[in-house]
């Protein structure tokens, strides 16, 4: 609970400091959010950012592939290789298999 509220405070402060217009897109990444079995922190974060009865100002999603896959895509693009959506999905699945998540 407390960590979720602390994350929400960090997100709100960053969004305000950057002058982001609402709705703000928030993507949760890392094991704290993608592999956790206890969703209390995620639920507290979501409730703190979008309190019941208020207009939701934050659109929250979870990263569906490991961050390392994104780094791999980026490295391939920097090397001049452009992957299509189907190729990206296949590569992401392979990365997930390799790291065992």
N, C-alpha and C. Protein backbone atom coordinates (compact mmCIF):
# COMPACT_ATOMS: atom_id res chain seq x y z
N UNK A 1 0.79 -1.19 0.00
CA UNK A 1 0.00 0.00 0.00
C UNK A 1 0.83 1.26 0.00
N UNK A 2 1.73 1.38 1.01
CA UNK A 2 2.52 2.60 1.12
C UNK A 2 3.42 2.81 -0.10
N UNK A 3 4.03 1.74 -0.58
CA UNK A 3 4.92 1.90 -1.73
C UNK A 3 4.12 2.34 -2.96
N UNK A 4 2.91 1.83 -3.12
CA UNK A 4 2.06 2.24 -4.24
C UNK A 4 1.73 3.71 -4.18
N UNK A 5 1.40 4.20 -2.98
CA UNK A 5 1.11 5.63 -2.82
C UNK A 5 2.36 6.48 -3.07
N UNK A 6 3.52 5.97 -2.64
CA UNK A 6 4.77 6.69 -2.89
C UNK A 6 5.07 6.76 -4.39
N UNK A 7 4.85 5.64 -5.10
CA UNK A 7 5.04 5.64 -6.56
C UNK A 7 4.09 6.66 -7.20
N UNK A 8 2.85 6.68 -6.75
CA UNK A 8 1.87 7.61 -7.31
C UNK A 8 2.31 9.05 -7.12
N UNK A 9 2.83 9.36 -5.95
CA UNK A 9 3.31 10.72 -5.68
C UNK A 9 4.44 11.07 -6.64
N UNK A 10 5.35 10.13 -6.86
CA UNK A 10 6.46 10.36 -7.80
C UNK A 10 5.95 10.60 -9.21
N UNK A 11 4.96 9.80 -9.62
CA UNK A 11 4.39 9.95 -10.97
C UNK A 11 3.72 11.30 -11.11
N UNK A 12 2.90 11.69 -10.12
CA UNK A 12 2.22 12.99 -10.17
C UNK A 12 3.22 14.14 -10.24
N UNK A 13 4.26 14.08 -9.39
CA UNK A 13 5.27 15.15 -9.38
C UNK A 13 6.00 15.23 -10.71
N UNK A 14 6.38 14.09 -11.27
CA UNK A 14 7.07 14.09 -12.56
C UNK A 14 6.17 14.65 -13.65
N UNK A 15 4.90 14.23 -13.67
CA UNK A 15 3.96 14.70 -14.69
C UNK A 15 3.76 16.20 -14.58
N UNK A 16 3.65 16.71 -13.36
CA UNK A 16 3.48 18.16 -13.17
C UNK A 16 4.74 18.92 -13.55
N UNK A 17 5.90 18.42 -13.13
CA UNK A 17 7.17 19.10 -13.45
C UNK A 17 7.40 19.15 -14.96
N UNK A 18 6.97 18.09 -15.67
CA UNK A 18 7.15 18.04 -17.12
C UNK A 18 6.03 18.76 -17.87
N UNK A 19 4.99 19.18 -17.15
CA UNK A 19 3.87 19.88 -17.77
C UNK A 19 3.04 18.99 -18.69
N UNK A 20 2.95 17.71 -18.35
CA UNK A 20 2.18 16.79 -19.19
C UNK A 20 0.69 17.06 -19.08
N UNK A 21 0.02 17.00 -20.20
CA UNK A 21 -1.43 17.20 -20.21
C UNK A 21 -2.13 15.87 -19.93
N UNK A 22 -3.25 15.96 -19.25
CA UNK A 22 -4.02 14.76 -18.92
C UNK A 22 -4.91 14.39 -20.08
N UNK A 23 -5.15 13.14 -20.29
CA UNK A 23 -4.71 12.02 -19.47
C UNK A 23 -3.24 11.69 -19.73
N UNK A 24 -2.52 11.40 -18.66
CA UNK A 24 -1.11 11.05 -18.72
C UNK A 24 -1.01 9.53 -18.87
N UNK A 25 -0.23 9.10 -19.85
CA UNK A 25 0.01 7.67 -20.06
C UNK A 25 1.11 7.21 -19.10
N UNK A 26 0.81 6.22 -18.27
CA UNK A 26 1.77 5.67 -17.31
C UNK A 26 1.92 4.18 -17.60
N UNK A 27 3.14 3.76 -17.88
CA UNK A 27 3.41 2.35 -18.12
C UNK A 27 4.28 1.84 -16.98
N UNK A 28 3.76 0.84 -16.29
CA UNK A 28 4.49 0.25 -15.17
C UNK A 28 5.44 -0.80 -15.71
N UNK A 29 6.70 -0.71 -15.33
CA UNK A 29 7.71 -1.65 -15.80
C UNK A 29 8.52 -2.13 -14.60
N UNK A 30 9.17 -3.24 -14.78
CA UNK A 30 10.00 -3.78 -13.71
C UNK A 30 9.25 -4.82 -12.90
N UNK A 31 10.00 -5.65 -12.22
CA UNK A 31 9.44 -6.76 -11.46
C UNK A 31 8.45 -6.34 -10.40
N UNK A 32 8.62 -5.13 -9.84
CA UNK A 32 7.67 -4.67 -8.82
C UNK A 32 6.24 -4.66 -9.33
N UNK A 33 6.09 -4.46 -10.63
CA UNK A 33 4.77 -4.34 -11.20
C UNK A 33 4.41 -5.48 -12.14
N UNK A 34 5.37 -6.07 -12.81
CA UNK A 34 5.05 -7.07 -13.82
C UNK A 34 5.08 -8.49 -13.29
N UNK A 35 5.87 -8.75 -12.25
CA UNK A 35 5.97 -10.11 -11.76
C UNK A 35 5.45 -10.29 -10.33
N UNK A 36 4.95 -9.23 -9.74
CA UNK A 36 4.54 -9.33 -8.34
C UNK A 36 3.29 -10.17 -8.18
N UNK A 37 3.28 -10.95 -7.13
CA UNK A 37 2.11 -11.76 -6.82
C UNK A 37 1.12 -10.99 -5.97
N UNK A 38 1.63 -10.05 -5.19
CA UNK A 38 0.77 -9.22 -4.35
C UNK A 38 0.53 -7.91 -5.07
N UNK A 39 -0.68 -7.67 -5.47
CA UNK A 39 -0.98 -6.50 -6.28
C UNK A 39 -1.37 -5.28 -5.44
N UNK A 40 -1.11 -5.33 -4.12
CA UNK A 40 -1.51 -4.22 -3.25
C UNK A 40 -0.86 -2.90 -3.67
N UNK A 41 0.44 -2.93 -4.01
CA UNK A 41 1.12 -1.69 -4.40
C UNK A 41 0.55 -1.15 -5.70
N UNK A 42 0.26 -2.04 -6.64
CA UNK A 42 -0.30 -1.60 -7.92
C UNK A 42 -1.68 -1.00 -7.71
N UNK A 43 -2.49 -1.67 -6.90
CA UNK A 43 -3.85 -1.17 -6.63
C UNK A 43 -3.79 0.19 -5.92
N UNK A 44 -2.89 0.33 -4.95
CA UNK A 44 -2.76 1.60 -4.23
C UNK A 44 -2.29 2.70 -5.18
N UNK A 45 -1.37 2.38 -6.07
CA UNK A 45 -0.89 3.36 -7.05
C UNK A 45 -2.05 3.81 -7.94
N UNK A 46 -2.79 2.84 -8.47
CA UNK A 46 -3.92 3.17 -9.35
C UNK A 46 -4.96 4.01 -8.64
N UNK A 47 -5.29 3.64 -7.39
CA UNK A 47 -6.30 4.40 -6.63
C UNK A 47 -5.81 5.79 -6.25
N UNK A 48 -4.50 5.92 -6.00
CA UNK A 48 -3.95 7.22 -5.64
C UNK A 48 -3.91 8.17 -6.84
N UNK A 49 -3.62 7.60 -8.03
CA UNK A 49 -3.58 8.44 -9.22
C UNK A 49 -4.97 8.78 -9.73
N UNK A 50 -5.90 7.86 -9.60
CA UNK A 50 -7.27 8.04 -10.09
C UNK A 50 -8.26 7.74 -8.97
N UNK A 51 -8.40 8.68 -8.01
CA UNK A 51 -9.33 8.44 -6.90
C UNK A 51 -10.75 8.24 -7.39
N UNK A 52 -11.50 7.36 -6.72
CA UNK A 52 -12.90 7.15 -7.10
C UNK A 52 -13.68 8.46 -7.08
N UNK A 53 -14.53 8.64 -8.07
CA UNK A 53 -15.36 9.83 -8.15
C UNK A 53 -14.71 10.99 -8.87
N UNK A 54 -13.44 10.86 -9.21
CA UNK A 54 -12.76 11.92 -9.95
C UNK A 54 -12.54 11.48 -11.39
N UNK A 55 -12.41 12.47 -12.26
CA UNK A 55 -12.13 12.19 -13.66
C UNK A 55 -10.73 11.59 -13.76
N UNK A 56 -10.58 10.38 -14.34
CA UNK A 56 -9.25 9.77 -14.40
C UNK A 56 -8.26 10.63 -15.19
N UNK A 57 -7.16 10.97 -14.55
CA UNK A 57 -6.15 11.78 -15.19
C UNK A 57 -4.95 10.98 -15.64
N UNK A 58 -4.94 9.70 -15.28
CA UNK A 58 -3.80 8.84 -15.61
C UNK A 58 -4.30 7.53 -16.20
N UNK A 59 -3.75 7.18 -17.35
CA UNK A 59 -4.08 5.91 -17.99
C UNK A 59 -2.92 4.97 -17.71
N UNK A 60 -3.19 3.94 -16.94
CA UNK A 60 -2.14 3.06 -16.43
C UNK A 60 -2.17 1.73 -17.16
N UNK A 61 -0.98 1.30 -17.59
CA UNK A 61 -0.85 -0.02 -18.20
C UNK A 61 0.44 -0.65 -17.69
N UNK A 62 0.55 -1.95 -17.88
CA UNK A 62 1.76 -2.65 -17.49
C UNK A 62 2.52 -3.06 -18.74
N UNK A 63 3.83 -3.01 -18.66
CA UNK A 63 4.67 -3.43 -19.77
C UNK A 63 4.42 -4.91 -20.03
N UNK A 64 4.12 -5.23 -21.27
CA UNK A 64 3.76 -6.62 -21.59
C UNK A 64 4.96 -7.46 -21.99
N UNK A 65 6.09 -6.83 -22.25
CA UNK A 65 7.31 -7.56 -22.57
C UNK A 65 8.42 -7.05 -21.66
N UNK A 66 9.44 -7.85 -21.42
CA UNK A 66 10.53 -7.39 -20.55
C UNK A 66 11.24 -6.18 -21.16
N UNK A 67 11.70 -5.23 -20.32
CA UNK A 67 12.39 -4.06 -20.85
C UNK A 67 13.57 -4.42 -21.74
N UNK A 68 14.19 -5.56 -21.48
CA UNK A 68 15.34 -5.96 -22.29
C UNK A 68 14.93 -6.15 -23.75
N UNK A 69 13.70 -6.56 -24.01
CA UNK A 69 13.24 -6.71 -25.40
C UNK A 69 13.20 -5.36 -26.10
N UNK A 70 12.74 -4.34 -25.41
CA UNK A 70 12.73 -3.00 -25.98
C UNK A 70 14.14 -2.51 -26.30
N UNK A 71 15.06 -2.82 -25.40
CA UNK A 71 16.46 -2.43 -25.64
C UNK A 71 17.01 -3.16 -26.86
N UNK A 72 16.63 -4.41 -27.01
CA UNK A 72 17.07 -5.19 -28.17
C UNK A 72 16.49 -4.60 -29.46
N UNK A 73 15.20 -4.27 -29.45
CA UNK A 73 14.57 -3.65 -30.63
C UNK A 73 15.29 -2.36 -31.01
N UNK A 74 15.58 -1.56 -30.00
CA UNK A 74 16.25 -0.28 -30.23
C UNK A 74 17.63 -0.50 -30.82
N UNK A 75 18.38 -1.45 -30.25
CA UNK A 75 19.73 -1.74 -30.77
C UNK A 75 19.66 -2.20 -32.23
N UNK A 76 18.69 -3.04 -32.55
CA UNK A 76 18.55 -3.51 -33.93
C UNK A 76 18.23 -2.35 -34.87
N UNK A 77 17.36 -1.45 -34.42
CA UNK A 77 17.02 -0.29 -35.24
C UNK A 77 18.22 0.64 -35.43
N UNK A 78 19.01 0.82 -34.37
CA UNK A 78 20.22 1.64 -34.49
C UNK A 78 21.20 1.01 -35.46
N UNK A 79 21.17 -0.33 -35.55
CA UNK A 79 22.02 -1.04 -36.48
C UNK A 79 21.48 -1.07 -37.90
N UNK A 80 20.31 -0.47 -38.10
CA UNK A 80 19.74 -0.36 -39.45
C UNK A 80 18.69 -1.40 -39.78
N UNK A 81 18.34 -2.27 -38.85
CA UNK A 81 17.33 -3.30 -39.11
C UNK A 81 15.97 -2.83 -38.61
N UNK A 82 15.01 -2.74 -39.50
CA UNK A 82 13.65 -2.35 -39.12
C UNK A 82 12.79 -3.60 -39.03
N UNK A 83 12.22 -3.86 -37.86
CA UNK A 83 11.37 -5.03 -37.66
C UNK A 83 9.91 -4.67 -37.83
N UNK A 84 9.16 -5.54 -38.48
CA UNK A 84 7.72 -5.39 -38.56
C UNK A 84 7.09 -5.85 -37.26
N UNK A 85 5.80 -5.59 -37.12
CA UNK A 85 5.10 -5.93 -35.88
C UNK A 85 5.16 -7.44 -35.60
N UNK A 86 4.97 -8.25 -36.62
CA UNK A 86 5.00 -9.70 -36.43
C UNK A 86 6.39 -10.16 -35.99
N UNK A 87 7.42 -9.58 -36.59
CA UNK A 87 8.79 -9.94 -36.21
C UNK A 87 9.10 -9.51 -34.78
N UNK A 88 8.60 -8.34 -34.39
CA UNK A 88 8.80 -7.86 -33.02
C UNK A 88 8.13 -8.79 -32.02
N UNK A 89 6.91 -9.23 -32.33
CA UNK A 89 6.19 -10.15 -31.43
C UNK A 89 6.94 -11.47 -31.29
N UNK A 90 7.42 -12.02 -32.39
CA UNK A 90 8.16 -13.28 -32.34
C UNK A 90 9.44 -13.13 -31.52
N UNK A 91 10.15 -12.05 -31.74
CA UNK A 91 11.38 -11.82 -31.00
C UNK A 91 11.10 -11.62 -29.52
N UNK A 92 10.04 -10.88 -29.19
CA UNK A 92 9.68 -10.66 -27.79
C UNK A 92 9.34 -11.98 -27.12
N UNK A 93 8.58 -12.84 -27.80
CA UNK A 93 8.24 -14.16 -27.23
C UNK A 93 9.50 -14.97 -26.98
N UNK A 94 10.45 -14.90 -27.91
CA UNK A 94 11.70 -15.65 -27.76
C UNK A 94 12.50 -15.11 -26.58
N UNK A 95 12.54 -13.81 -26.39
CA UNK A 95 13.25 -13.22 -25.26
C UNK A 95 12.60 -13.69 -23.95
N UNK A 96 11.27 -13.69 -23.91
CA UNK A 96 10.56 -14.13 -22.71
C UNK A 96 10.91 -15.58 -22.41
N UNK A 97 10.94 -16.43 -23.44
CA UNK A 97 11.31 -17.84 -23.24
C UNK A 97 12.74 -17.96 -22.71
N UNK A 98 13.64 -17.16 -23.26
CA UNK A 98 15.05 -17.25 -22.87
C UNK A 98 15.29 -16.85 -21.43
N UNK A 99 14.58 -15.83 -20.95
CA UNK A 99 14.81 -15.37 -19.58
C UNK A 99 13.86 -16.01 -18.57
N UNK A 100 12.93 -16.81 -19.07
CA UNK A 100 12.09 -17.61 -18.19
C UNK A 100 11.06 -16.87 -17.39
N UNK A 101 10.38 -15.91 -18.01
CA UNK A 101 9.28 -15.25 -17.28
C UNK A 101 7.96 -15.56 -17.94
